[in-house]
Amino acid sequence: FFIPLSEVPWYRPLSSQVFFWFGQMLFGLNPLPWHVMIFLTHLGTAALLFTLVKQLTNRFSLAVLSAFLYATHGLHLIALSWLAAYSFVLGPFIGVTVLLLYSKKYHWWSISCFFIGVLTTEIHILLPIILLVYQLARKEKDSLIRLIFFVILSSAVLLVRFVLFPANTTGLYQTGLMGIFSTTKFYLMQAIGLPMLFTSMPSYLFISTLVAGLFLIIVL
């Protein structure tokens, strides 16, 4: 389950191999409970996000709006309907849990959840940056030392994936500057609700469209 495969560009053992192994034992090939579990996980993330925003801002209306926009965003369409994309549902659930626990100063619990998170989806390796910004914004420098544990875990995942067990990555999943640009372009356009037709457009056309849009905004 936990040994990375070179032919697989991502490392998500808990949300892929372990998820399907347990799901097969519990549900078999009946699709209904699989989708119910995915939907409940998504609703749980929205509820956790509501709690987090309300705690940080003390504004009920903003918390409701944040949870509503997250729960209903079109970006989740594929993840909620495609079992193989469960990492995009479970990942945010664990990520928001980490942020909530950290904000409540349950640091060791947040580190434990973060460890689960980095085995769920690789996006969690960026959480130490978010936590650092949170600490600096709150001027809570007393907890900065605890960020070292998050950095160590993130570094360990990068070491395992890119040094010990490197993957053969091409296309959308290629590493390097072009890979980062392509991936950023894809998810940025998905985040603002553009269909797959636009997210798959060539980079030169994407840049031209972006420049033209910025020009129109400035002129108008």
N, C-alpha and C. Protein backbone atom coordinates (compact mmCIF):
# COMPACT_ATOMS: atom_id res chain seq x y z
N PHE A 1 0.81 -1.21 0.00
CA PHE A 1 0.00 0.00 0.00
C PHE A 1 0.85 1.27 0.00
N PHE A 2 1.95 1.28 0.74
CA PHE A 2 2.67 2.52 1.01
C PHE A 2 3.98 2.66 0.25
N ILE A 3 4.30 1.73 -0.63
CA ILE A 3 5.50 1.85 -1.46
C ILE A 3 5.11 2.56 -2.76
N PRO A 4 5.67 3.74 -3.03
CA PRO A 4 5.31 4.48 -4.25
C PRO A 4 5.66 3.69 -5.52
N LEU A 5 4.82 3.82 -6.53
CA LEU A 5 5.03 3.16 -7.82
C LEU A 5 5.50 4.19 -8.83
N SER A 6 6.51 3.83 -9.60
CA SER A 6 7.09 4.77 -10.56
C SER A 6 6.12 5.16 -11.66
N GLU A 7 5.19 4.26 -12.00
CA GLU A 7 4.24 4.55 -13.08
C GLU A 7 3.06 5.40 -12.61
N VAL A 8 2.96 5.66 -11.32
CA VAL A 8 1.89 6.49 -10.77
C VAL A 8 2.47 7.82 -10.34
N PRO A 9 2.02 8.95 -10.91
CA PRO A 9 2.66 10.24 -10.63
C PRO A 9 2.39 10.79 -9.24
N TRP A 10 1.37 10.32 -8.56
CA TRP A 10 1.04 10.86 -7.24
C TRP A 10 1.26 9.80 -6.17
N TYR A 11 1.28 10.27 -4.91
CA TYR A 11 1.47 9.37 -3.77
C TYR A 11 0.34 9.63 -2.80
N ARG A 12 -0.72 8.81 -2.90
CA ARG A 12 -1.92 8.99 -2.08
C ARG A 12 -2.41 7.63 -1.56
N PRO A 13 -1.61 6.96 -0.76
CA PRO A 13 -1.98 5.60 -0.35
C PRO A 13 -3.27 5.52 0.45
N LEU A 14 -3.52 6.50 1.33
CA LEU A 14 -4.71 6.40 2.17
C LEU A 14 -5.99 6.67 1.40
N SER A 15 -5.94 7.58 0.43
CA SER A 15 -7.15 7.91 -0.32
C SER A 15 -7.29 7.10 -1.60
N SER A 16 -6.31 6.24 -1.88
CA SER A 16 -6.40 5.40 -3.06
C SER A 16 -6.39 3.93 -2.68
N GLN A 17 -5.20 3.35 -2.45
CA GLN A 17 -5.12 1.91 -2.18
C GLN A 17 -5.89 1.50 -0.93
N VAL A 18 -5.64 2.19 0.19
CA VAL A 18 -6.30 1.83 1.45
C VAL A 18 -7.81 2.06 1.35
N PHE A 19 -8.19 3.17 0.73
CA PHE A 19 -9.61 3.51 0.58
C PHE A 19 -10.36 2.42 -0.18
N PHE A 20 -9.80 1.99 -1.31
CA PHE A 20 -10.48 0.97 -2.12
C PHE A 20 -10.42 -0.40 -1.46
N TRP A 21 -9.36 -0.66 -0.72
CA TRP A 21 -9.25 -1.95 -0.04
C TRP A 21 -10.33 -2.10 1.04
N PHE A 22 -10.45 -1.05 1.89
CA PHE A 22 -11.48 -1.09 2.93
C PHE A 22 -12.88 -1.01 2.34
N GLY A 23 -13.03 -0.17 1.32
CA GLY A 23 -14.34 -0.04 0.69
C GLY A 23 -14.82 -1.33 0.06
N GLN A 24 -13.90 -2.06 -0.54
CA GLN A 24 -14.25 -3.35 -1.15
C GLN A 24 -14.73 -4.33 -0.09
N MET A 25 -14.06 -4.34 1.07
CA MET A 25 -14.47 -5.24 2.15
C MET A 25 -15.82 -4.85 2.73
N LEU A 26 -16.08 -3.55 2.83
CA LEU A 26 -17.32 -3.09 3.47
C LEU A 26 -18.51 -3.07 2.52
N PHE A 27 -18.29 -2.58 1.29
CA PHE A 27 -19.40 -2.33 0.38
C PHE A 27 -19.44 -3.25 -0.83
N GLY A 28 -18.34 -3.93 -1.10
CA GLY A 28 -18.30 -4.74 -2.31
C GLY A 28 -18.37 -3.86 -3.55
N LEU A 29 -19.19 -4.27 -4.52
CA LEU A 29 -19.34 -3.51 -5.76
C LEU A 29 -20.63 -2.70 -5.79
N ASN A 30 -21.28 -2.56 -4.64
CA ASN A 30 -22.50 -1.75 -4.57
C ASN A 30 -22.11 -0.27 -4.58
N PRO A 31 -22.44 0.50 -5.61
CA PRO A 31 -21.95 1.88 -5.72
C PRO A 31 -22.58 2.86 -4.73
N LEU A 32 -23.80 2.57 -4.25
CA LEU A 32 -24.52 3.53 -3.41
C LEU A 32 -23.75 3.91 -2.14
N PRO A 33 -23.31 2.95 -1.30
CA PRO A 33 -22.61 3.36 -0.08
C PRO A 33 -21.28 4.07 -0.35
N TRP A 34 -20.63 3.75 -1.45
CA TRP A 34 -19.41 4.48 -1.82
C TRP A 34 -19.71 5.96 -2.01
N HIS A 35 -20.74 6.25 -2.77
CA HIS A 35 -21.07 7.65 -3.06
C HIS A 35 -21.64 8.36 -1.84
N VAL A 36 -22.37 7.63 -1.01
CA VAL A 36 -22.87 8.23 0.23
C VAL A 36 -21.70 8.65 1.12
N MET A 37 -20.68 7.79 1.23
CA MET A 37 -19.51 8.12 2.05
C MET A 37 -18.79 9.34 1.50
N ILE A 38 -18.64 9.42 0.18
CA ILE A 38 -17.99 10.57 -0.43
C ILE A 38 -18.78 11.85 -0.16
N PHE A 39 -20.10 11.77 -0.31
CA PHE A 39 -20.95 12.94 -0.09
C PHE A 39 -20.89 13.39 1.37
N LEU A 40 -20.92 12.45 2.30
CA LEU A 40 -20.85 12.80 3.72
C LEU A 40 -19.49 13.42 4.06
N THR A 41 -18.43 12.93 3.45
CA THR A 41 -17.11 13.53 3.67
C THR A 41 -17.10 14.98 3.20
N HIS A 42 -17.70 15.22 2.06
CA HIS A 42 -17.77 16.58 1.51
C HIS A 42 -18.58 17.51 2.43
N LEU A 43 -19.72 17.02 2.91
CA LEU A 43 -20.51 17.82 3.85
C LEU A 43 -19.75 18.07 5.14
N GLY A 44 -18.98 17.07 5.59
CA GLY A 44 -18.17 17.24 6.79
C GLY A 44 -17.13 18.34 6.62
N THR A 45 -16.53 18.42 5.43
CA THR A 45 -15.56 19.47 5.16
C THR A 45 -16.21 20.84 5.23
N ALA A 46 -17.40 20.96 4.66
CA ALA A 46 -18.12 22.23 4.71
C ALA A 46 -18.44 22.64 6.14
N ALA A 47 -18.83 21.66 6.96
CA ALA A 47 -19.14 21.94 8.37
C ALA A 47 -17.88 22.37 9.12
N LEU A 48 -16.77 21.70 8.86
CA LEU A 48 -15.51 22.08 9.51
C LEU A 48 -15.06 23.47 9.07
N LEU A 49 -15.25 23.77 7.78
CA LEU A 49 -14.88 25.09 7.28
C LEU A 49 -15.72 26.17 7.94
N PHE A 50 -17.01 25.90 8.11
CA PHE A 50 -17.88 26.85 8.82
C PHE A 50 -17.34 27.11 10.24
N THR A 51 -16.97 26.06 10.93
CA THR A 51 -16.45 26.20 12.30
C THR A 51 -15.15 26.98 12.31
N LEU A 52 -14.28 26.70 11.35
CA LEU A 52 -12.98 27.38 11.30
C LEU A 52 -13.14 28.87 11.02
N VAL A 53 -13.94 29.21 10.02
CA VAL A 53 -14.12 30.62 9.66
C VAL A 53 -14.80 31.38 10.80
N LYS A 54 -15.79 30.76 11.42
CA LYS A 54 -16.48 31.42 12.54
C LYS A 54 -15.52 31.65 13.70
N GLN A 55 -14.64 30.70 13.95
CA GLN A 55 -13.69 30.85 15.05
C GLN A 55 -12.67 31.96 14.76
N LEU A 56 -12.21 32.03 13.52
CA LEU A 56 -11.18 33.01 13.17
C LEU A 56 -11.73 34.42 13.02
N THR A 57 -12.97 34.55 12.55
CA THR A 57 -13.54 35.88 12.28
C THR A 57 -14.63 36.30 13.26
N ASN A 58 -15.21 35.31 13.95
CA ASN A 58 -16.34 35.57 14.85
C ASN A 58 -17.52 36.19 14.11
N ARG A 59 -17.66 35.82 12.83
CA ARG A 59 -18.76 36.33 12.00
C ARG A 59 -19.54 35.14 11.45
N PHE A 60 -20.76 34.98 11.94
CA PHE A 60 -21.60 33.85 11.57
C PHE A 60 -21.95 33.88 10.08
N SER A 61 -22.32 35.06 9.58
CA SER A 61 -22.73 35.16 8.18
C SER A 61 -21.59 34.81 7.23
N LEU A 62 -20.38 35.26 7.55
CA LEU A 62 -19.23 34.95 6.70
C LEU A 62 -18.91 33.46 6.74
N ALA A 63 -19.09 32.85 7.90
CA ALA A 63 -18.85 31.41 8.02
C ALA A 63 -19.85 30.62 7.19
N VAL A 64 -21.12 31.02 7.23
CA VAL A 64 -22.15 30.35 6.44
C VAL A 64 -21.87 30.51 4.95
N LEU A 65 -21.50 31.73 4.55
CA LEU A 65 -21.22 31.99 3.14
C LEU A 65 -20.01 31.17 2.66
N SER A 66 -18.98 31.11 3.46
CA SER A 66 -17.78 30.35 3.09
C SER A 66 -18.10 28.88 2.92
N ALA A 67 -18.83 28.31 3.88
CA ALA A 67 -19.19 26.90 3.80
C ALA A 67 -20.11 26.63 2.61
N PHE A 68 -21.04 27.53 2.35
CA PHE A 68 -21.97 27.36 1.23
C PHE A 68 -21.24 27.39 -0.11
N LEU A 69 -20.35 28.38 -0.28
CA LEU A 69 -19.62 28.50 -1.54
C LEU A 69 -18.72 27.29 -1.77
N TYR A 70 -18.11 26.81 -0.70
CA TYR A 70 -17.26 25.64 -0.84
C TYR A 70 -18.09 24.41 -1.22
N ALA A 71 -19.19 24.21 -0.53
CA ALA A 71 -20.00 23.00 -0.72
C ALA A 71 -20.63 22.95 -2.11
N THR A 72 -20.93 24.10 -2.69
CA THR A 72 -21.67 24.13 -3.95
C THR A 72 -20.80 24.47 -5.16
N HIS A 73 -19.52 24.65 -4.97
CA HIS A 73 -18.65 25.03 -6.08
C HIS A 73 -18.56 23.91 -7.11
N GLY A 74 -18.58 24.29 -8.38
CA GLY A 74 -18.53 23.32 -9.46
C GLY A 74 -17.23 22.56 -9.55
N LEU A 75 -16.19 23.06 -8.89
CA LEU A 75 -14.90 22.38 -8.91
C LEU A 75 -15.00 20.97 -8.34
N HIS A 76 -15.97 20.73 -7.47
CA HIS A 76 -16.10 19.43 -6.80
C HIS A 76 -16.88 18.40 -7.62
N LEU A 77 -17.37 18.80 -8.79
CA LEU A 77 -18.25 17.92 -9.55
C LEU A 77 -17.59 16.58 -9.86
N ILE A 78 -16.37 16.61 -10.39
CA ILE A 78 -15.69 15.37 -10.76
C ILE A 78 -15.37 14.54 -9.52
N ALA A 79 -14.86 15.20 -8.48
CA ALA A 79 -14.46 14.48 -7.27
C ALA A 79 -15.65 13.80 -6.60
N LEU A 80 -16.83 14.42 -6.66
CA LEU A 80 -18.01 13.85 -6.00
C LEU A 80 -18.67 12.74 -6.82
N SER A 81 -18.37 12.68 -8.09
CA SER A 81 -19.01 11.68 -8.94
C SER A 81 -18.07 10.57 -9.39
N TRP A 82 -16.76 10.75 -9.17
CA TRP A 82 -15.77 9.79 -9.64
C TRP A 82 -15.02 9.23 -8.44
N LEU A 83 -15.20 7.94 -8.17
CA LEU A 83 -14.61 7.34 -6.98
C LEU A 83 -13.09 7.47 -6.94
N ALA A 84 -12.46 7.40 -8.10
CA ALA A 84 -11.00 7.46 -8.16
C ALA A 84 -10.46 8.81 -7.71
N ALA A 85 -11.32 9.83 -7.65
CA ALA A 85 -10.89 11.17 -7.24
C ALA A 85 -11.21 11.45 -5.77
N TYR A 86 -11.36 10.40 -4.97
CA TYR A 86 -11.71 10.59 -3.55
C TYR A 86 -10.65 11.40 -2.80
N SER A 87 -9.42 11.40 -3.29
CA SER A 87 -8.37 12.18 -2.62
C SER A 87 -8.72 13.65 -2.60
N PHE A 88 -9.46 14.13 -3.61
CA PHE A 88 -9.85 15.53 -3.67
C PHE A 88 -11.03 15.84 -2.75
N VAL A 89 -11.60 14.82 -2.15
CA VAL A 89 -12.67 15.00 -1.17
C VAL A 89 -12.13 14.80 0.24
N LEU A 90 -11.39 13.71 0.43
CA LEU A 90 -10.82 13.43 1.75
C LEU A 90 -9.69 14.40 2.09
N GLY A 91 -8.92 14.82 1.09
CA GLY A 91 -7.81 15.75 1.33
C GLY A 91 -8.24 17.05 1.99
N PRO A 92 -9.23 17.77 1.42
CA PRO A 92 -9.71 18.99 2.07
C PRO A 92 -10.28 18.75 3.47
N PHE A 93 -10.96 17.61 3.66
CA PHE A 93 -11.50 17.29 4.99
C PHE A 93 -10.39 17.25 6.04
N ILE A 94 -9.31 16.55 5.70
CA ILE A 94 -8.19 16.46 6.65
C ILE A 94 -7.47 17.79 6.76
N GLY A 95 -7.32 18.49 5.63
CA GLY A 95 -6.64 19.78 5.67
C GLY A 95 -7.32 20.79 6.56
N VAL A 96 -8.64 20.91 6.43
CA VAL A 96 -9.39 21.85 7.27
C VAL A 96 -9.34 21.40 8.73
N THR A 97 -9.35 20.09 8.95
CA THR A 97 -9.23 19.57 10.32
C THR A 97 -7.90 19.98 10.93
N VAL A 98 -6.83 19.89 10.16
CA VAL A 98 -5.50 20.32 10.64
C VAL A 98 -5.52 21.79 11.02
N LEU A 99 -6.07 22.63 10.15
CA LEU A 99 -6.12 24.07 10.42
C LEU A 99 -6.97 24.37 11.66
N LEU A 100 -8.08 23.67 11.80
CA LEU A 100 -8.95 23.91 12.95
C LEU A 100 -8.27 23.50 14.25
N LEU A 101 -7.65 22.34 14.26
CA LEU A 101 -6.94 21.87 15.46
C LEU A 101 -5.77 22.80 15.80
N TYR A 102 -5.06 23.25 14.78
CA TYR A 102 -3.92 24.14 15.01
C TYR A 102 -4.38 25.48 15.57
N SER A 103 -5.49 25.99 15.05
CA SER A 103 -6.00 27.28 15.53
C SER A 103 -6.50 27.18 16.97
N LYS A 104 -6.92 25.97 17.38
CA LYS A 104 -7.36 25.75 18.75
C LYS A 104 -6.19 25.37 19.67
N LYS A 105 -4.97 25.39 19.08
CA LYS A 105 -3.74 25.08 19.81
C LYS A 105 -3.65 23.62 20.26
N TYR A 106 -4.35 22.74 19.56
CA TYR A 106 -4.17 21.30 19.74
C TYR A 106 -3.05 20.85 18.80
N HIS A 107 -1.83 21.28 19.11
CA HIS A 107 -0.75 21.15 18.14
C HIS A 107 -0.41 19.70 17.82
N TRP A 108 -0.35 18.86 18.83
CA TRP A 108 0.05 17.47 18.56
C TRP A 108 -1.03 16.72 17.80
N TRP A 109 -2.28 17.05 18.07
CA TRP A 109 -3.35 16.45 17.29
C TRP A 109 -3.30 16.93 15.84
N SER A 110 -2.98 18.21 15.66
CA SER A 110 -2.89 18.74 14.30
C SER A 110 -1.73 18.11 13.54
N ILE A 111 -0.61 17.85 14.22
CA ILE A 111 0.53 17.19 13.58
C ILE A 111 0.16 15.76 13.19
N SER A 112 -0.58 15.07 14.06
CA SER A 112 -1.01 13.71 13.75
C SER A 112 -1.92 13.69 12.52
N CYS A 113 -2.86 14.63 12.45
CA CYS A 113 -3.75 14.71 11.30
C CYS A 113 -2.97 15.10 10.05
N PHE A 114 -1.97 15.93 10.22
CA PHE A 114 -1.14 16.33 9.08
C PHE A 114 -0.39 15.13 8.51
N PHE A 115 0.07 14.26 9.38
CA PHE A 115 0.75 13.04 8.92
C PHE A 115 -0.20 12.20 8.08
N ILE A 116 -1.46 12.09 8.53
CA ILE A 116 -2.47 11.38 7.74
C ILE A 116 -2.72 12.11 6.43
N GLY A 117 -2.70 13.45 6.50
CA GLY A 117 -2.97 14.25 5.31
C GLY A 117 -1.95 14.07 4.21
N VAL A 118 -0.66 14.03 4.56
CA VAL A 118 0.37 13.90 3.52
C VAL A 118 0.34 12.52 2.87
N LEU A 119 -0.31 11.56 3.54
CA LEU A 119 -0.50 10.24 2.93
C LEU A 119 -1.82 10.14 2.17
N THR A 120 -2.57 11.25 2.20
CA THR A 120 -3.86 11.30 1.50
C THR A 120 -3.75 12.02 0.17
N THR A 121 -3.10 13.17 0.18
CA THR A 121 -2.87 13.93 -1.05
C THR A 121 -1.67 14.83 -0.85
N GLU A 122 -0.88 14.97 -1.90
CA GLU A 122 0.38 15.70 -1.81
C GLU A 122 0.22 17.20 -1.57
N ILE A 123 -0.98 17.73 -1.75
CA ILE A 123 -1.19 19.16 -1.56
C ILE A 123 -0.93 19.57 -0.12
N HIS A 124 -0.98 18.62 0.80
CA HIS A 124 -0.77 18.94 2.21
C HIS A 124 0.66 19.39 2.52
N ILE A 125 1.60 19.13 1.64
CA ILE A 125 2.97 19.58 1.92
C ILE A 125 3.06 21.10 1.92
N LEU A 126 2.02 21.78 1.42
CA LEU A 126 2.00 23.24 1.43
C LEU A 126 1.41 23.81 2.71
N LEU A 127 0.81 22.97 3.53
CA LEU A 127 0.17 23.45 4.76
C LEU A 127 1.13 24.18 5.71
N PRO A 128 2.40 23.76 5.85
CA PRO A 128 3.31 24.52 6.72
C PRO A 128 3.42 26.00 6.33
N ILE A 129 3.33 26.30 5.03
CA ILE A 129 3.38 27.70 4.58
C ILE A 129 2.14 28.45 5.06
N ILE A 130 0.98 27.80 4.94
CA ILE A 130 -0.27 28.42 5.40
C ILE A 130 -0.23 28.64 6.91
N LEU A 131 0.28 27.66 7.63
CA LEU A 131 0.37 27.78 9.09
C LEU A 131 1.35 28.88 9.50
N LEU A 132 2.43 29.02 8.73
CA LEU A 132 3.40 30.09 9.01
C LEU A 132 2.76 31.46 8.82
N VAL A 133 2.01 31.62 7.74
CA VAL A 133 1.32 32.89 7.49
C VAL A 133 0.32 33.17 8.61
N TYR A 134 -0.38 32.12 9.05
CA TYR A 134 -1.34 32.26 10.15
C TYR A 134 -0.64 32.72 11.43
N GLN A 135 0.50 32.10 11.73
CA GLN A 135 1.24 32.47 12.94
C GLN A 135 1.70 33.92 12.89
N LEU A 136 2.24 34.33 11.74
CA LEU A 136 2.74 35.70 11.62
C LEU A 136 1.60 36.71 11.66
N ALA A 137 0.46 36.36 11.05
CA ALA A 137 -0.68 37.27 11.06
C ALA A 137 -1.24 37.44 12.47
N ARG A 138 -1.20 36.37 13.23
CA ARG A 138 -1.71 36.41 14.60
C ARG A 138 -0.64 36.87 15.61
N LYS A 139 0.59 37.03 15.10
CA LYS A 139 1.72 37.43 15.95
C LYS A 139 1.90 36.46 17.12
N GLU A 140 1.74 35.17 16.82
CA GLU A 140 1.91 34.13 17.84
C GLU A 140 3.21 33.38 17.55
N LYS A 141 4.31 34.01 17.88
CA LYS A 141 5.62 33.44 17.56
C LYS A 141 6.02 32.32 18.51
N ASP A 142 5.27 32.14 19.60
CA ASP A 142 5.64 31.11 20.57
C ASP A 142 5.46 29.69 20.01
N SER A 143 4.61 29.55 18.98
CA SER A 143 4.34 28.22 18.43
C SER A 143 5.11 27.94 17.15
N LEU A 144 5.96 28.86 16.74
CA LEU A 144 6.69 28.67 15.48
C LEU A 144 7.56 27.43 15.51
N ILE A 145 8.08 27.08 16.69
CA ILE A 145 8.96 25.92 16.79
C ILE A 145 8.23 24.64 16.40
N ARG A 146 6.92 24.59 16.62
CA ARG A 146 6.15 23.39 16.30
C ARG A 146 6.00 23.19 14.79
N LEU A 147 6.21 24.27 14.03
CA LEU A 147 6.12 24.14 12.58
C LEU A 147 7.22 23.25 12.03
N ILE A 148 8.29 23.08 12.80
CA ILE A 148 9.39 22.25 12.35
C ILE A 148 8.91 20.83 12.06
N PHE A 149 8.00 20.32 12.88
CA PHE A 149 7.48 18.95 12.68
C PHE A 149 6.72 18.85 11.36
N PHE A 150 5.97 19.90 11.01
CA PHE A 150 5.25 19.91 9.75
C PHE A 150 6.24 19.94 8.57
N VAL A 151 7.27 20.76 8.71
CA VAL A 151 8.28 20.87 7.65
C VAL A 151 9.01 19.54 7.47
N ILE A 152 9.32 18.88 8.57
CA ILE A 152 10.02 17.59 8.50
C ILE A 152 9.17 16.55 7.76
N LEU A 153 7.88 16.49 8.09
CA LEU A 153 7.00 15.53 7.42
C LEU A 153 6.86 15.84 5.93
N SER A 154 6.73 17.14 5.59
CA SER A 154 6.64 17.52 4.19
C SER A 154 7.91 17.17 3.44
N SER A 155 9.05 17.42 4.07
CA SER A 155 10.34 17.11 3.45
C SER A 155 10.50 15.61 3.25
N ALA A 156 10.01 14.82 4.21
CA ALA A 156 10.11 13.37 4.10
C ALA A 156 9.32 12.86 2.90
N VAL A 157 8.12 13.41 2.69
CA VAL A 157 7.31 12.99 1.54
C VAL A 157 8.01 13.35 0.23
N LEU A 158 8.56 14.55 0.16
CA LEU A 158 9.28 14.97 -1.05
C LEU A 158 10.50 14.08 -1.29
N LEU A 159 11.19 13.72 -0.22
CA LEU A 159 12.36 12.86 -0.34
C LEU A 159 11.98 11.49 -0.88
N VAL A 160 10.91 10.92 -0.31
CA VAL A 160 10.47 9.59 -0.73
C VAL A 160 10.01 9.61 -2.19
N ARG A 161 9.25 10.64 -2.55
CA ARG A 161 8.63 10.64 -3.88
C ARG A 161 9.58 11.04 -5.00
N PHE A 162 10.49 11.98 -4.73
CA PHE A 162 11.32 12.50 -5.81
C PHE A 162 12.75 11.97 -5.80
N VAL A 163 13.18 11.37 -4.68
CA VAL A 163 14.56 10.88 -4.60
C VAL A 163 14.60 9.36 -4.50
N LEU A 164 13.92 8.82 -3.49
CA LEU A 164 13.97 7.37 -3.27
C LEU A 164 13.13 6.60 -4.28
N PHE A 165 11.94 7.11 -4.58
CA PHE A 165 11.04 6.43 -5.52
C PHE A 165 10.52 7.44 -6.55
N PRO A 166 11.37 7.93 -7.44
CA PRO A 166 10.94 8.93 -8.43
C PRO A 166 9.91 8.36 -9.40
N ALA A 167 8.98 9.22 -9.80
CA ALA A 167 7.91 8.79 -10.71
C ALA A 167 8.22 9.25 -12.13
N ASN A 168 7.76 8.48 -13.09
CA ASN A 168 7.87 8.86 -14.50
C ASN A 168 6.70 9.77 -14.83
N THR A 169 6.91 11.08 -14.74
CA THR A 169 5.83 12.04 -14.91
C THR A 169 5.90 12.71 -16.27
N THR A 170 4.76 12.83 -16.92
CA THR A 170 4.65 13.50 -18.20
C THR A 170 3.35 14.29 -18.24
N GLY A 171 3.24 15.18 -19.22
CA GLY A 171 2.00 15.92 -19.41
C GLY A 171 1.67 16.81 -18.22
N LEU A 172 0.41 16.69 -17.75
CA LEU A 172 -0.07 17.53 -16.66
C LEU A 172 0.72 17.29 -15.38
N TYR A 173 1.28 16.10 -15.21
CA TYR A 173 1.95 15.74 -13.97
C TYR A 173 3.48 15.85 -14.05
N GLN A 174 4.00 16.46 -15.11
CA GLN A 174 5.44 16.58 -15.22
C GLN A 174 5.98 17.57 -14.19
N THR A 175 7.18 17.28 -13.69
CA THR A 175 7.82 18.16 -12.73
C THR A 175 8.58 19.26 -13.46
N GLY A 176 9.12 20.23 -12.71
CA GLY A 176 9.82 21.34 -13.33
C GLY A 176 8.90 22.55 -13.48
N LEU A 177 9.43 23.63 -14.03
CA LEU A 177 8.68 24.88 -14.14
C LEU A 177 7.47 24.73 -15.05
N MET A 178 7.63 24.05 -16.18
CA MET A 178 6.50 23.89 -17.10
C MET A 178 5.41 23.02 -16.48
N GLY A 179 5.82 22.02 -15.71
CA GLY A 179 4.83 21.20 -15.02
C GLY A 179 4.05 21.99 -13.99
N ILE A 180 4.76 22.82 -13.23
CA ILE A 180 4.10 23.67 -12.23
C ILE A 180 3.15 24.64 -12.91
N PHE A 181 3.60 25.23 -14.02
CA PHE A 181 2.75 26.18 -14.74
C PHE A 181 1.49 25.50 -15.29
N SER A 182 1.66 24.34 -15.91
CA SER A 182 0.52 23.62 -16.49
C SER A 182 -0.49 23.23 -15.42
N THR A 183 0.01 22.72 -14.29
CA THR A 183 -0.88 22.30 -13.21
C THR A 183 -1.60 23.49 -12.60
N THR A 184 -0.85 24.61 -12.40
CA THR A 184 -1.46 25.82 -11.85
C THR A 184 -2.54 26.35 -12.78
N LYS A 185 -2.24 26.36 -14.07
CA LYS A 185 -3.21 26.83 -15.06
C LYS A 185 -4.47 25.98 -15.02
N PHE A 186 -4.30 24.67 -14.97
CA PHE A 186 -5.44 23.75 -14.99
C PHE A 186 -6.36 23.99 -13.80
N TYR A 187 -5.78 24.00 -12.58
CA TYR A 187 -6.62 24.11 -11.40
C TYR A 187 -7.14 25.52 -11.17
N LEU A 188 -6.39 26.54 -11.63
CA LEU A 188 -6.89 27.91 -11.51
C LEU A 188 -8.12 28.10 -12.36
N MET A 189 -8.09 27.59 -13.59
CA MET A 189 -9.24 27.74 -14.48
C MET A 189 -10.40 26.88 -14.02
N GLN A 190 -10.10 25.71 -13.43
CA GLN A 190 -11.17 24.90 -12.84
C GLN A 190 -11.81 25.62 -11.66
N ALA A 191 -10.99 26.33 -10.86
CA ALA A 191 -11.48 27.00 -9.66
C ALA A 191 -12.46 28.11 -9.99
N ILE A 192 -12.27 28.78 -11.14
CA ILE A 192 -13.18 29.86 -11.50
C ILE A 192 -14.35 29.36 -12.34
N GLY A 193 -14.44 28.02 -12.49
CA GLY A 193 -15.63 27.44 -13.08
C GLY A 193 -15.61 27.24 -14.58
N LEU A 194 -14.44 27.34 -15.21
CA LEU A 194 -14.39 27.12 -16.66
C LEU A 194 -14.45 25.63 -16.98
N PRO A 195 -15.09 25.25 -18.06
CA PRO A 195 -15.20 23.83 -18.42
C PRO A 195 -13.87 23.26 -18.87
N MET A 196 -13.81 21.92 -19.00
CA MET A 196 -12.59 21.23 -19.37
C MET A 196 -12.05 21.69 -20.73
N LEU A 197 -12.93 22.16 -21.62
CA LEU A 197 -12.50 22.62 -22.93
C LEU A 197 -11.48 23.75 -22.80
N PHE A 198 -11.72 24.63 -21.83
CA PHE A 198 -10.83 25.77 -21.64
C PHE A 198 -9.60 25.40 -20.82
N THR A 199 -9.77 24.53 -19.83
CA THR A 199 -8.63 24.16 -18.99
C THR A 199 -7.60 23.36 -19.76
N SER A 200 -8.01 22.78 -20.89
CA SER A 200 -7.08 22.00 -21.69
C SER A 200 -6.47 22.80 -22.83
N MET A 201 -6.75 24.10 -22.91
CA MET A 201 -6.23 24.91 -24.00
C MET A 201 -4.70 25.03 -23.90
N PRO A 202 -4.02 25.21 -25.04
CA PRO A 202 -2.56 25.36 -25.03
C PRO A 202 -2.12 26.54 -24.18
N SER A 203 -0.91 26.46 -23.65
CA SER A 203 -0.41 27.49 -22.74
C SER A 203 -0.34 28.86 -23.40
N TYR A 204 0.08 28.90 -24.68
CA TYR A 204 0.21 30.19 -25.35
C TYR A 204 -1.16 30.87 -25.50
N LEU A 205 -2.19 30.05 -25.76
CA LEU A 205 -3.54 30.60 -25.88
C LEU A 205 -4.06 31.05 -24.52
N PHE A 206 -3.71 30.29 -23.48
CA PHE A 206 -4.12 30.66 -22.12
C PHE A 206 -3.51 31.99 -21.72
N ILE A 207 -2.21 32.16 -21.98
CA ILE A 207 -1.54 33.41 -21.63
C ILE A 207 -2.11 34.58 -22.42
N SER A 208 -2.38 34.37 -23.72
CA SER A 208 -2.95 35.43 -24.56
C SER A 208 -4.32 35.85 -24.03
N THR A 209 -5.13 34.86 -23.67
CA THR A 209 -6.47 35.15 -23.14
C THR A 209 -6.37 35.90 -21.81
N LEU A 210 -5.43 35.48 -20.95
CA LEU A 210 -5.25 36.14 -19.65
C LEU A 210 -4.81 37.58 -19.82
N VAL A 211 -3.85 37.82 -20.73
CA VAL A 211 -3.38 39.19 -20.97
C VAL A 211 -4.49 40.06 -21.54
N ALA A 212 -5.26 39.50 -22.49
CA ALA A 212 -6.36 40.25 -23.08
C ALA A 212 -7.42 40.59 -22.04
N GLY A 213 -7.70 39.64 -21.15
CA GLY A 213 -8.67 39.90 -20.09
C GLY A 213 -8.22 40.99 -19.14
N LEU A 214 -6.94 40.94 -18.75
CA LEU A 214 -6.40 41.98 -17.87
C LEU A 214 -6.42 43.35 -18.54
N PHE A 215 -6.14 43.37 -19.84
CA PHE A 215 -6.15 44.62 -20.59
C PHE A 215 -7.56 45.23 -20.60
N LEU A 216 -8.57 44.38 -20.84
CA LEU A 216 -9.95 44.87 -20.86
C LEU A 216 -10.38 45.40 -19.50
N ILE A 217 -9.93 44.70 -18.44
CA ILE A 217 -10.27 45.15 -17.08
C ILE A 217 -9.68 46.52 -16.80
N ILE A 218 -8.42 46.70 -17.21
CA ILE A 218 -7.76 47.99 -16.97
C ILE A 218 -8.41 49.10 -17.79
N VAL A 219 -8.72 48.81 -19.07
CA VAL A 219 -9.30 49.82 -19.95
C VAL A 219 -10.71 50.19 -19.52
N LEU A 220 -11.50 49.18 -19.18
CA LEU A 220 -12.90 49.44 -18.81
C LEU A 220 -13.02 49.95 -17.40
